[in-house]
Amino acid sequence: MTETQVPLRLRRAALIPMVAAASMVLFGCSSASDSTTDGGSSTNGSEGGFQVIIDDCEDPAAAQALIEETFTIGYSAPLSGPVAGVVELASDGYKSRVAQANNEGEIDGVEIVVDYKDDAFTPDKAKSNGVEFLQRDKVDALNTFGAGQVSAIADDQNAACVPLLYPSSSDSQFNEIENYPWTVQFLPSADAETKFIVQYIVANTSDPKIGVVANATASGEAMAASFVASAEEAGLEIIVEADDTDPNAAATTMKEAGATVIFHAGVVGSCGVFDTAMDRIGYKPDLVTKASNCVNSPEYIAAGEAADGVVIASYLKDPSSPDFANDPGVLAYLETVEGVADPNNAVTISGYMQAELLVNTLKQAAESDLGLTRESIILAARDQNYAAPMLLDGITWKSTADRPAGVSGFAPIKWSFADQRFVSAGDVIQVD
């Protein structure tokens, strides 16, 4: 094990017990359908559903106040820094869907206003932005990009009972509903996704010698930790680990260890560089899998043949695929995002999907007996089984009192150098 691997393993080893402890807290507590024991007032999103205790909020009256005319979401985003270009693609999709909702008056005439603040992909700045949004701007909800940024914001927004709706993060610790009731992540649960990837590895390789490469961010390390846990549960051996801060060094470490299968817990914007680094030293594992956020096509195009065959878990339709040429959901999507820079890019679609889920949640909340309030919004966010038009057929967005929000299944897709896009590598498999 190299010096760069030691801290990665130690950080991951520290994270897994923390997640496990949080899980014990969740399952040791009463269910959401149970009555409260502290005398506080509470409401249920549905019969036997998610329960929110308003008396625990810093300002209970504000959480129950009717939202009229405008709904403001404070978005701490990396408008500058290493992933700004990719985030701009996601913002194109997000803004397009919000504009459509406003133009068509989908939320009973309430206008959605998105207020952006730059955090340059740094958690400290995201925390500062979050405090401003909560204390000065008095926003109705929050959003952000990255697990580190969610970590920086989550405690404050949960104390304030301001929903953090569909941030680009999959860190398992924030799926602990008992601990983070007002935080609803967008990216698939890291546990569910990595179990799916492990199933794919088992089905498509024999005696795999697995290497794990993690992006040195909270997002990358959390995904890598989940993969390690999923692999060990399946009886697979992880023979080597490294981070991708220096892609060349990581590729060399994997090659020297003899890894035949790679799981790259990358972060969008930095995924394809590792493939190029492996190619540079003549290293071609039998199988390379990556986190589902590694779906930015230009990265693979830039990597050339080095990226051919990379497999990720998918849940979104691909507008560039002939299979969806006449799909009603895809056609509606393309009309909504007309004029954006790259409508076929999965990152653009991902941003659109975040806004689609936001709009669906707000519509459900507005139609509830409570009307549109922060309370009704979080109740709606925890009461979802939504077949969103851009999800692959057979997959729904699910969120209940007992299940963290996320997609119900995945399908493997593989990057094709010849086609210059991802192609199907198997059928949808339900994980829930």
Protein backbone atom coordinates (compact mmCIF):
# COMPACT_ATOMS: atom_id res chain seq x y z
CA MET A 1 0.00 0.00 0.00
CA THR A 2 1.42 3.39 -0.97
CA GLU A 3 1.54 6.46 1.24
CA THR A 4 -1.31 8.05 -0.74
CA GLN A 5 -3.46 4.99 -0.14
CA VAL A 6 -3.09 4.95 3.64
CA PRO A 7 -5.10 8.09 4.45
CA LEU A 8 -7.76 7.11 1.89
CA ARG A 9 -8.28 3.73 3.57
CA LEU A 10 -8.26 5.28 7.04
CA ARG A 11 -10.80 7.92 6.05
CA ARG A 12 -13.01 5.25 4.53
CA ALA A 13 -12.67 2.97 7.51
CA ALA A 14 -13.79 5.82 9.73
CA LEU A 15 -16.78 6.58 7.54
CA ILE A 16 -18.26 3.07 7.42
CA PRO A 17 -18.77 2.70 11.21
CA MET A 18 -20.30 6.18 11.28
CA VAL A 19 -22.83 5.21 8.60
CA ALA A 20 -23.53 1.92 10.35
CA ALA A 21 -24.07 3.70 13.66
CA ALA A 22 -26.46 6.12 12.04
CA SER A 23 -28.38 3.17 10.58
CA MET A 24 -28.73 1.64 14.05
CA VAL A 25 -30.10 4.93 15.32
CA LEU A 26 -32.65 5.01 12.51
CA PHE A 27 -33.92 1.48 12.98
CA GLY A 28 -33.82 1.67 16.75
CA CYS A 29 -36.19 4.65 16.79
CA SER A 30 -39.95 4.60 16.42
CA SER A 31 -41.32 4.58 12.91
CA ALA A 32 -42.70 7.70 11.28
CA SER A 33 -46.24 6.47 11.81
CA ASP A 34 -45.80 6.29 15.59
CA SER A 35 -47.07 9.11 17.77
CA THR A 36 -44.58 11.56 19.26
CA THR A 37 -43.35 11.08 22.80
CA ASP A 38 -42.32 14.62 23.66
CA GLY A 39 -45.69 16.29 23.38
CA GLY A 40 -44.65 18.22 20.27
CA SER A 41 -47.03 18.84 17.41
CA SER A 42 -46.50 16.78 14.29
CA THR A 43 -48.06 16.10 10.93
CA ASN A 44 -48.11 13.11 8.63
CA GLY A 45 -47.56 13.28 4.87
CA SER A 46 -49.87 10.32 4.34
CA GLU A 47 -51.55 7.65 6.39
CA GLY A 48 -48.75 5.83 8.19
CA GLY A 49 -46.27 8.08 6.42
CA PHE A 50 -43.46 10.48 7.20
CA GLN A 51 -43.85 12.46 10.39
CA VAL A 52 -42.36 15.90 10.91
CA ILE A 53 -42.20 17.50 14.36
CA ILE A 54 -42.72 21.20 13.79
CA ASP A 55 -42.07 22.13 17.44
CA ASP A 56 -38.44 21.12 16.90
CA CYS A 57 -38.01 23.85 14.30
CA GLU A 58 -36.20 27.08 15.15
CA ASP A 59 -39.27 28.98 13.91
CA PRO A 60 -42.32 26.65 13.74
CA ALA A 61 -44.61 29.42 12.47
CA ALA A 62 -42.31 30.07 9.48
CA ALA A 63 -42.31 26.37 8.58
CA GLN A 64 -46.12 26.39 8.47
CA ALA A 65 -46.58 29.78 6.79
CA LEU A 66 -48.35 29.74 3.42
CA ILE A 67 -46.01 30.47 0.49
CA GLU A 68 -47.70 32.86 -1.90
CA GLU A 69 -46.68 34.56 -5.17
CA THR A 70 -43.02 33.41 -5.11
CA PHE A 71 -41.19 30.30 -3.96
CA THR A 72 -37.48 31.10 -3.53
CA ILE A 73 -34.81 28.41 -3.60
CA GLY A 74 -31.28 29.33 -2.58
CA TYR A 75 -28.78 27.43 -4.71
CA SER A 76 -25.14 27.27 -3.60
CA ALA A 77 -23.39 26.13 -6.77
CA PRO A 78 -19.83 25.94 -8.16
CA LEU A 79 -20.22 28.77 -10.65
CA SER A 80 -16.42 28.97 -10.67
CA GLY A 81 -13.74 26.40 -9.92
CA PRO A 82 -12.93 22.91 -11.24
CA VAL A 83 -16.44 21.69 -12.10
CA ALA A 84 -18.05 24.98 -13.15
CA GLY A 85 -18.31 24.01 -16.82
CA VAL A 86 -20.12 20.79 -16.06
CA VAL A 87 -22.43 22.47 -13.56
CA GLU A 88 -23.36 24.99 -16.25
CA LEU A 89 -24.76 22.10 -18.29
CA ALA A 90 -26.82 20.93 -15.33
CA SER A 91 -28.01 24.48 -14.75
CA ASP A 92 -29.22 24.67 -18.36
CA GLY A 93 -31.54 21.73 -17.75
CA TYR A 94 -32.60 22.96 -14.31
CA LYS A 95 -33.40 26.48 -15.45
CA SER A 96 -35.29 25.24 -18.51
CA ARG A 97 -37.67 23.12 -16.44
CA VAL A 98 -38.19 25.89 -13.88
CA ALA A 99 -38.95 28.36 -16.67
CA GLN A 100 -41.51 25.97 -18.12
CA ALA A 101 -43.22 25.58 -14.73
CA ASN A 102 -43.37 29.36 -14.34
CA ASN A 103 -44.62 29.99 -17.88
CA GLU A 104 -47.37 27.42 -17.49
CA GLY A 105 -48.32 28.37 -13.92
CA GLU A 106 -47.87 24.80 -12.72
CA ILE A 107 -47.67 25.68 -9.00
CA ASP A 108 -51.07 27.36 -8.72
CA GLY A 109 -49.55 30.52 -10.17
CA VAL A 110 -46.69 30.66 -7.62
CA GLU A 111 -43.44 31.62 -9.38
CA ILE A 112 -40.27 29.65 -8.67
CA VAL A 113 -37.29 31.97 -8.15
CA VAL A 114 -33.79 30.48 -8.04
CA ASP A 115 -31.16 32.60 -6.28
CA TYR A 116 -27.62 31.41 -7.06
CA LYS A 117 -24.51 32.00 -4.96
CA ASP A 118 -21.06 30.77 -6.03
CA ASP A 119 -19.24 28.36 -3.70
CA ALA A 120 -16.42 27.39 -6.14
CA PHE A 121 -16.98 23.75 -5.08
CA THR A 122 -15.66 24.43 -1.57
CA PRO A 123 -17.69 23.28 1.47
CA ASP A 124 -16.68 26.27 3.62
CA LYS A 125 -18.09 28.72 1.08
CA ALA A 126 -21.21 26.58 0.69
CA LYS A 127 -21.76 26.81 4.43
CA SER A 128 -21.38 30.58 4.31
CA ASN A 129 -23.84 30.76 1.44
CA GLY A 130 -26.26 28.54 3.33
CA VAL A 131 -26.16 30.76 6.39
CA GLU A 132 -26.88 33.81 4.22
CA PHE A 133 -29.75 32.06 2.48
CA LEU A 134 -31.28 30.97 5.78
CA GLN A 135 -30.69 33.96 8.01
CA ARG A 136 -30.68 36.96 5.68
CA ASP A 137 -32.56 35.91 2.55
CA LYS A 138 -35.16 33.74 4.33
CA VAL A 139 -35.43 31.34 1.39
CA ASP A 140 -38.13 28.68 1.18
CA ALA A 141 -35.74 25.86 0.21
CA LEU A 142 -32.08 25.17 -0.62
CA ASN A 143 -30.06 23.23 -3.16
CA THR A 144 -26.35 22.59 -3.70
CA PHE A 145 -23.82 20.43 -5.57
CA GLY A 146 -21.59 17.85 -3.87
CA ALA A 147 -21.59 15.75 -0.70
CA GLY A 148 -19.13 18.07 1.04
CA GLN A 149 -21.42 20.98 0.37
CA VAL A 150 -24.46 19.06 1.67
CA SER A 151 -22.47 18.22 4.80
CA ALA A 152 -21.66 21.89 5.30
CA ILE A 153 -25.29 22.96 4.98
CA ALA A 154 -27.34 20.05 6.37
CA ASP A 155 -27.19 20.75 10.12
CA ASP A 156 -28.21 24.39 9.72
CA GLN A 157 -31.04 23.73 7.28
CA ASN A 158 -32.45 20.87 9.33
CA ALA A 159 -32.46 23.02 12.46
CA ALA A 160 -34.20 25.77 10.50
CA CYS A 161 -36.68 23.27 8.94
CA VAL A 162 -35.90 24.57 5.45
CA PRO A 163 -35.98 21.75 2.87
CA LEU A 164 -32.74 20.93 1.02
CA LEU A 165 -34.31 19.54 -2.13
CA TYR A 166 -32.54 17.27 -4.59
CA PRO A 167 -28.88 18.32 -4.26
CA SER A 168 -26.32 16.47 -6.41
CA SER A 169 -25.10 14.16 -3.68
CA SER A 170 -25.46 10.49 -2.79
CA ASP A 171 -23.68 10.31 0.58
CA SER A 172 -25.42 7.58 2.57
CA GLN A 173 -25.21 9.41 5.88
CA PHE A 174 -27.64 12.08 4.64
CA ASN A 175 -30.16 9.39 3.73
CA GLU A 176 -30.69 8.75 7.45
CA ILE A 177 -34.18 10.23 7.65
CA GLU A 178 -34.29 10.31 11.43
CA ASN A 179 -31.14 12.45 11.53
CA TYR A 180 -31.74 14.57 8.39
CA PRO A 181 -35.53 14.72 7.93
CA TRP A 182 -35.42 17.94 5.85
CA THR A 183 -32.63 16.77 3.49
CA VAL A 184 -33.66 14.90 0.31
CA GLN A 185 -30.76 14.06 -2.02
CA PHE A 186 -31.04 13.65 -5.79
CA LEU A 187 -28.30 11.26 -6.84
CA PRO A 188 -29.03 7.57 -6.29
CA SER A 189 -28.23 6.13 -2.90
CA ALA A 190 -24.58 5.18 -2.95
CA ASP A 191 -25.47 1.90 -1.23
CA ALA A 192 -28.09 0.96 -3.84
CA GLU A 193 -25.92 2.01 -6.77
CA THR A 194 -22.80 0.18 -5.63
CA LYS A 195 -24.75 -3.00 -4.89
CA PHE A 196 -26.00 -2.85 -8.48
CA ILE A 197 -22.43 -2.36 -9.78
CA VAL A 198 -21.19 -5.27 -7.66
CA GLN A 199 -23.97 -7.47 -9.10
CA TYR A 200 -22.81 -6.49 -12.59
CA ILE A 201 -19.18 -7.33 -11.76
CA VAL A 202 -20.15 -10.74 -10.37
CA ALA A 203 -22.29 -11.53 -13.43
CA ASN A 204 -19.70 -10.42 -16.00
CA THR A 205 -16.31 -11.42 -14.59
CA SER A 206 -14.73 -14.45 -12.97
CA ASP A 207 -12.34 -14.19 -10.01
CA PRO A 208 -12.13 -10.37 -10.23
CA LYS A 209 -9.18 -8.63 -8.60
CA ILE A 210 -10.72 -5.29 -7.75
CA GLY A 211 -9.06 -1.92 -7.45
CA VAL A 212 -10.91 1.13 -6.13
CA VAL A 213 -9.98 4.66 -7.22
CA ALA A 214 -11.72 7.53 -5.44
CA ASN A 215 -11.92 11.21 -6.18
CA ALA A 216 -10.43 12.99 -3.18
CA THR A 217 -13.64 14.81 -2.28
CA ALA A 218 -16.43 13.98 0.15
CA SER A 219 -18.53 12.78 -2.79
CA GLY A 220 -15.84 10.45 -4.14
CA GLU A 221 -14.84 9.05 -0.78
CA ALA A 222 -18.45 8.40 0.27
CA MET A 223 -19.14 6.52 -2.96
CA ALA A 224 -15.92 4.52 -2.59
CA ALA A 225 -16.82 3.61 0.99
CA SER A 226 -20.20 2.31 -0.13
CA PHE A 227 -18.60 0.28 -2.93
CA VAL A 228 -16.11 -1.30 -0.53
CA ALA A 229 -18.95 -2.27 1.82
CA SER A 230 -21.06 -3.67 -1.05
CA ALA A 231 -18.11 -5.65 -2.46
CA GLU A 232 -17.19 -7.11 0.91
CA GLU A 233 -20.83 -8.08 1.53
CA ALA A 234 -20.78 -9.96 -1.78
CA GLY A 235 -17.55 -11.73 -0.84
CA LEU A 236 -15.37 -9.84 -3.33
CA GLU A 237 -11.83 -8.87 -2.42
CA ILE A 238 -10.53 -5.33 -2.81
CA ILE A 239 -6.82 -5.73 -3.50
CA VAL A 240 -5.79 -2.08 -3.85
CA GLU A 241 -7.10 1.45 -3.27
CA ALA A 242 -5.92 4.90 -4.33
CA ASP A 243 -7.23 8.38 -4.96
CA ASP A 244 -7.29 10.11 -8.34
CA THR A 245 -5.64 13.36 -7.28
CA ASP A 246 -2.75 12.26 -9.50
CA PRO A 247 -4.42 10.09 -12.19
CA ASN A 248 -1.07 8.82 -13.49
CA ALA A 249 0.00 7.65 -10.04
CA ALA A 250 -3.40 6.03 -9.45
CA ALA A 251 -3.23 4.18 -12.78
CA THR A 252 0.29 2.96 -12.01
CA THR A 253 -0.81 1.76 -8.56
CA MET A 254 -3.69 -0.21 -10.06
CA LYS A 255 -1.49 -1.79 -12.76
CA GLU A 256 1.29 -2.77 -10.38
CA ALA A 257 -1.23 -4.38 -8.02
CA GLY A 258 -2.66 -6.44 -10.86
CA ALA A 259 -6.23 -5.17 -10.60
CA THR A 260 -8.39 -6.73 -13.31
CA VAL A 261 -11.53 -4.77 -12.43
CA ILE A 262 -11.65 -1.08 -11.51
CA PHE A 263 -14.33 0.85 -9.71
CA HIS A 264 -13.71 4.57 -10.16
CA ALA A 265 -15.63 6.67 -7.65
CA GLY A 266 -15.15 9.75 -9.77
CA VAL A 267 -16.77 13.14 -9.76
CA VAL A 268 -18.22 14.55 -12.97
CA GLY A 269 -15.64 16.72 -14.68
CA SER A 270 -12.71 14.56 -13.63
CA CYS A 271 -13.79 11.06 -14.71
CA GLY A 272 -12.28 10.66 -18.18
CA VAL A 273 -8.81 11.79 -17.16
CA PHE A 274 -8.22 8.54 -15.30
CA ASP A 275 -9.02 6.49 -18.42
CA THR A 276 -6.47 8.51 -20.36
CA ALA A 277 -3.90 7.90 -17.62
CA MET A 278 -4.45 4.12 -17.77
CA ASP A 279 -4.06 4.16 -21.54
CA ARG A 280 -0.86 6.18 -21.29
CA ILE A 281 0.86 3.33 -19.41
CA GLY A 282 -0.66 0.56 -21.54
CA TYR A 283 -2.99 -0.66 -18.81
CA LYS A 284 -6.37 -2.09 -19.86
CA PRO A 285 -8.31 -3.87 -17.07
CA ASP A 286 -10.94 -6.46 -18.00
CA LEU A 287 -13.68 -4.13 -16.76
CA VAL A 288 -13.85 -0.49 -15.70
CA THR A 289 -16.94 0.69 -13.82
CA LYS A 290 -17.63 4.17 -12.56
CA ALA A 291 -20.04 6.11 -10.37
CA SER A 292 -23.24 7.11 -12.20
CA ASN A 293 -22.33 10.81 -12.06
CA CYS A 294 -19.43 9.99 -14.43
CA VAL A 295 -21.76 10.45 -17.37
CA ASN A 296 -20.46 13.59 -19.06
CA SER A 297 -19.99 12.57 -22.71
CA PRO A 298 -17.29 15.14 -23.64
CA GLU A 299 -14.98 13.59 -21.05
CA TYR A 300 -15.18 10.20 -22.76
CA ILE A 301 -14.90 11.71 -26.21
CA ALA A 302 -11.72 13.46 -25.08
CA ALA A 303 -10.35 10.19 -23.68
CA GLY A 304 -10.78 8.51 -27.07
CA GLU A 305 -10.48 4.73 -27.30
CA ALA A 306 -9.17 4.63 -23.73
CA ALA A 307 -12.72 5.04 -22.42
CA ASP A 308 -14.27 2.39 -24.66
CA GLY A 309 -16.28 -0.11 -22.60
CA VAL A 310 -16.60 1.91 -19.38
CA VAL A 311 -19.77 0.80 -17.58
CA ILE A 312 -21.97 2.89 -15.30
CA ALA A 313 -25.40 2.48 -13.73
CA SER A 314 -28.07 4.43 -15.61
CA TYR A 315 -31.63 5.49 -14.84
CA LEU A 316 -32.23 8.28 -17.38
CA LYS A 317 -33.32 8.13 -21.01
CA ASP A 318 -30.80 9.16 -23.66
CA PRO A 319 -32.26 11.59 -26.24
CA SER A 320 -29.49 10.68 -28.70
CA SER A 321 -30.43 7.00 -28.73
CA PRO A 322 -32.56 5.77 -31.63
CA ASP A 323 -34.48 3.73 -29.06
CA PHE A 324 -36.06 6.93 -27.74
CA ALA A 325 -36.58 8.78 -31.02
CA ASN A 326 -40.36 8.78 -30.58
CA ASP A 327 -40.55 8.60 -26.80
CA PRO A 328 -43.12 11.15 -25.50
CA GLY A 329 -41.04 12.02 -22.44
CA VAL A 330 -37.92 12.63 -24.53
CA LEU A 331 -39.81 14.71 -27.08
CA ALA A 332 -41.30 16.86 -24.30
CA TYR A 333 -37.85 17.23 -22.72
CA LEU A 334 -36.24 18.33 -25.99
CA GLU A 335 -38.94 20.94 -26.50
CA THR A 336 -38.40 22.29 -22.98
CA VAL A 337 -34.60 22.55 -23.27
CA GLU A 338 -34.55 23.86 -26.83
CA GLY A 339 -31.62 26.23 -27.29
CA VAL A 340 -29.38 24.90 -24.50
CA ALA A 341 -25.76 24.07 -25.26
CA ASP A 342 -25.91 20.27 -25.09
CA PRO A 343 -29.40 18.81 -24.65
CA ASN A 344 -28.23 15.21 -25.22
CA ASN A 345 -25.67 15.35 -22.42
CA ALA A 346 -26.72 13.30 -19.40
CA VAL A 347 -25.55 16.13 -17.14
CA THR A 348 -28.08 18.47 -18.77
CA ILE A 349 -30.76 15.81 -18.35
CA SER A 350 -29.75 15.35 -14.72
CA GLY A 351 -30.24 19.06 -14.03
CA TYR A 352 -33.61 18.92 -15.77
CA MET A 353 -34.59 15.92 -13.62
CA GLN A 354 -33.70 17.76 -10.40
CA ALA A 355 -36.07 20.54 -11.40
CA GLU A 356 -38.70 18.02 -12.57
CA LEU A 357 -38.69 16.45 -9.12
CA LEU A 358 -38.83 19.88 -7.49
CA VAL A 359 -41.83 20.90 -9.59
CA ASN A 360 -43.64 17.62 -8.93
CA THR A 361 -43.03 18.00 -5.19
CA LEU A 362 -44.28 21.60 -5.14
CA LYS A 363 -47.40 20.67 -7.12
CA GLN A 364 -48.19 17.88 -4.69
CA ALA A 365 -47.61 20.15 -1.71
CA ALA A 366 -49.75 22.95 -3.15
CA GLU A 367 -52.62 20.53 -3.72
CA SER A 368 -52.48 19.21 -0.14
CA ASP A 369 -54.80 20.30 2.68
CA LEU A 370 -51.96 22.41 4.11
CA GLY A 371 -51.41 24.35 0.91
CA LEU A 372 -47.88 25.31 -0.15
CA THR A 373 -45.72 25.57 2.98
CA ARG A 374 -42.26 24.36 3.90
CA GLU A 375 -43.98 21.72 6.02
CA SER A 376 -46.17 20.44 3.18
CA ILE A 377 -43.20 20.48 0.80
CA ILE A 378 -41.09 18.15 2.95
CA LEU A 379 -44.11 15.92 3.53
CA ALA A 380 -44.59 15.70 -0.24
CA ALA A 381 -40.88 15.03 -0.80
CA ARG A 382 -41.17 12.02 1.54
CA ASP A 383 -44.27 10.68 -0.21
CA GLN A 384 -43.22 9.94 -3.79
CA ASN A 385 -43.53 7.11 -6.28
CA TYR A 386 -43.16 9.14 -9.45
CA ALA A 387 -42.63 7.73 -12.95
CA ALA A 388 -40.92 10.88 -14.21
CA PRO A 389 -41.01 11.06 -18.03
CA MET A 390 -37.21 11.06 -18.40
CA LEU A 391 -36.65 8.01 -16.19
CA LEU A 392 -36.10 4.72 -17.97
CA ASP A 393 -39.26 2.67 -18.34
CA GLY A 394 -39.76 0.51 -15.28
CA ILE A 395 -37.95 2.93 -12.95
CA THR A 396 -39.70 5.33 -10.59
CA TRP A 397 -38.52 7.97 -8.16
CA LYS A 398 -39.42 6.63 -4.73
CA SER A 399 -39.39 8.31 -1.34
CA THR A 400 -41.23 7.17 1.79
CA ALA A 401 -41.01 7.41 5.55
CA ASP A 402 -38.87 4.27 5.60
CA ARG A 403 -36.97 4.58 2.33
CA PRO A 404 -34.51 7.32 1.42
CA ALA A 405 -35.39 9.15 -1.78
CA GLY A 406 -33.99 7.79 -5.02
CA VAL A 407 -34.61 5.73 -8.12
CA SER A 408 -36.11 2.25 -7.84
CA GLY A 409 -33.70 0.59 -10.25
CA PHE A 410 -30.83 0.85 -12.73
CA ALA A 411 -29.77 -0.39 -16.13
CA PRO A 412 -26.10 -0.83 -17.10
CA ILE A 413 -24.85 1.32 -19.96
CA LYS A 414 -21.47 1.15 -21.68
CA TRP A 415 -19.48 3.89 -23.40
CA SER A 416 -19.04 3.09 -27.09
CA PHE A 417 -16.09 4.76 -28.79
CA ALA A 418 -17.54 3.80 -32.18
CA ASP A 419 -20.94 5.38 -31.45
CA GLN A 420 -19.53 8.26 -29.36
CA ARG A 421 -22.25 7.73 -26.77
CA PHE A 422 -23.41 5.32 -24.08
CA VAL A 423 -25.23 2.22 -25.33
CA SER A 424 -27.33 -0.32 -23.46
CA ALA A 425 -25.43 -3.07 -21.66
CA GLY A 426 -28.42 -4.84 -20.10
CA ASP A 427 -31.99 -4.56 -18.84
CA VAL A 428 -33.39 -2.55 -15.95
CA ILE A 429 -32.87 -4.28 -12.61
CA GLN A 430 -34.97 -3.21 -9.63
CA VAL A 431 -33.07 -2.47 -6.45
CA ASP A 432 -36.20 -1.74 -4.42
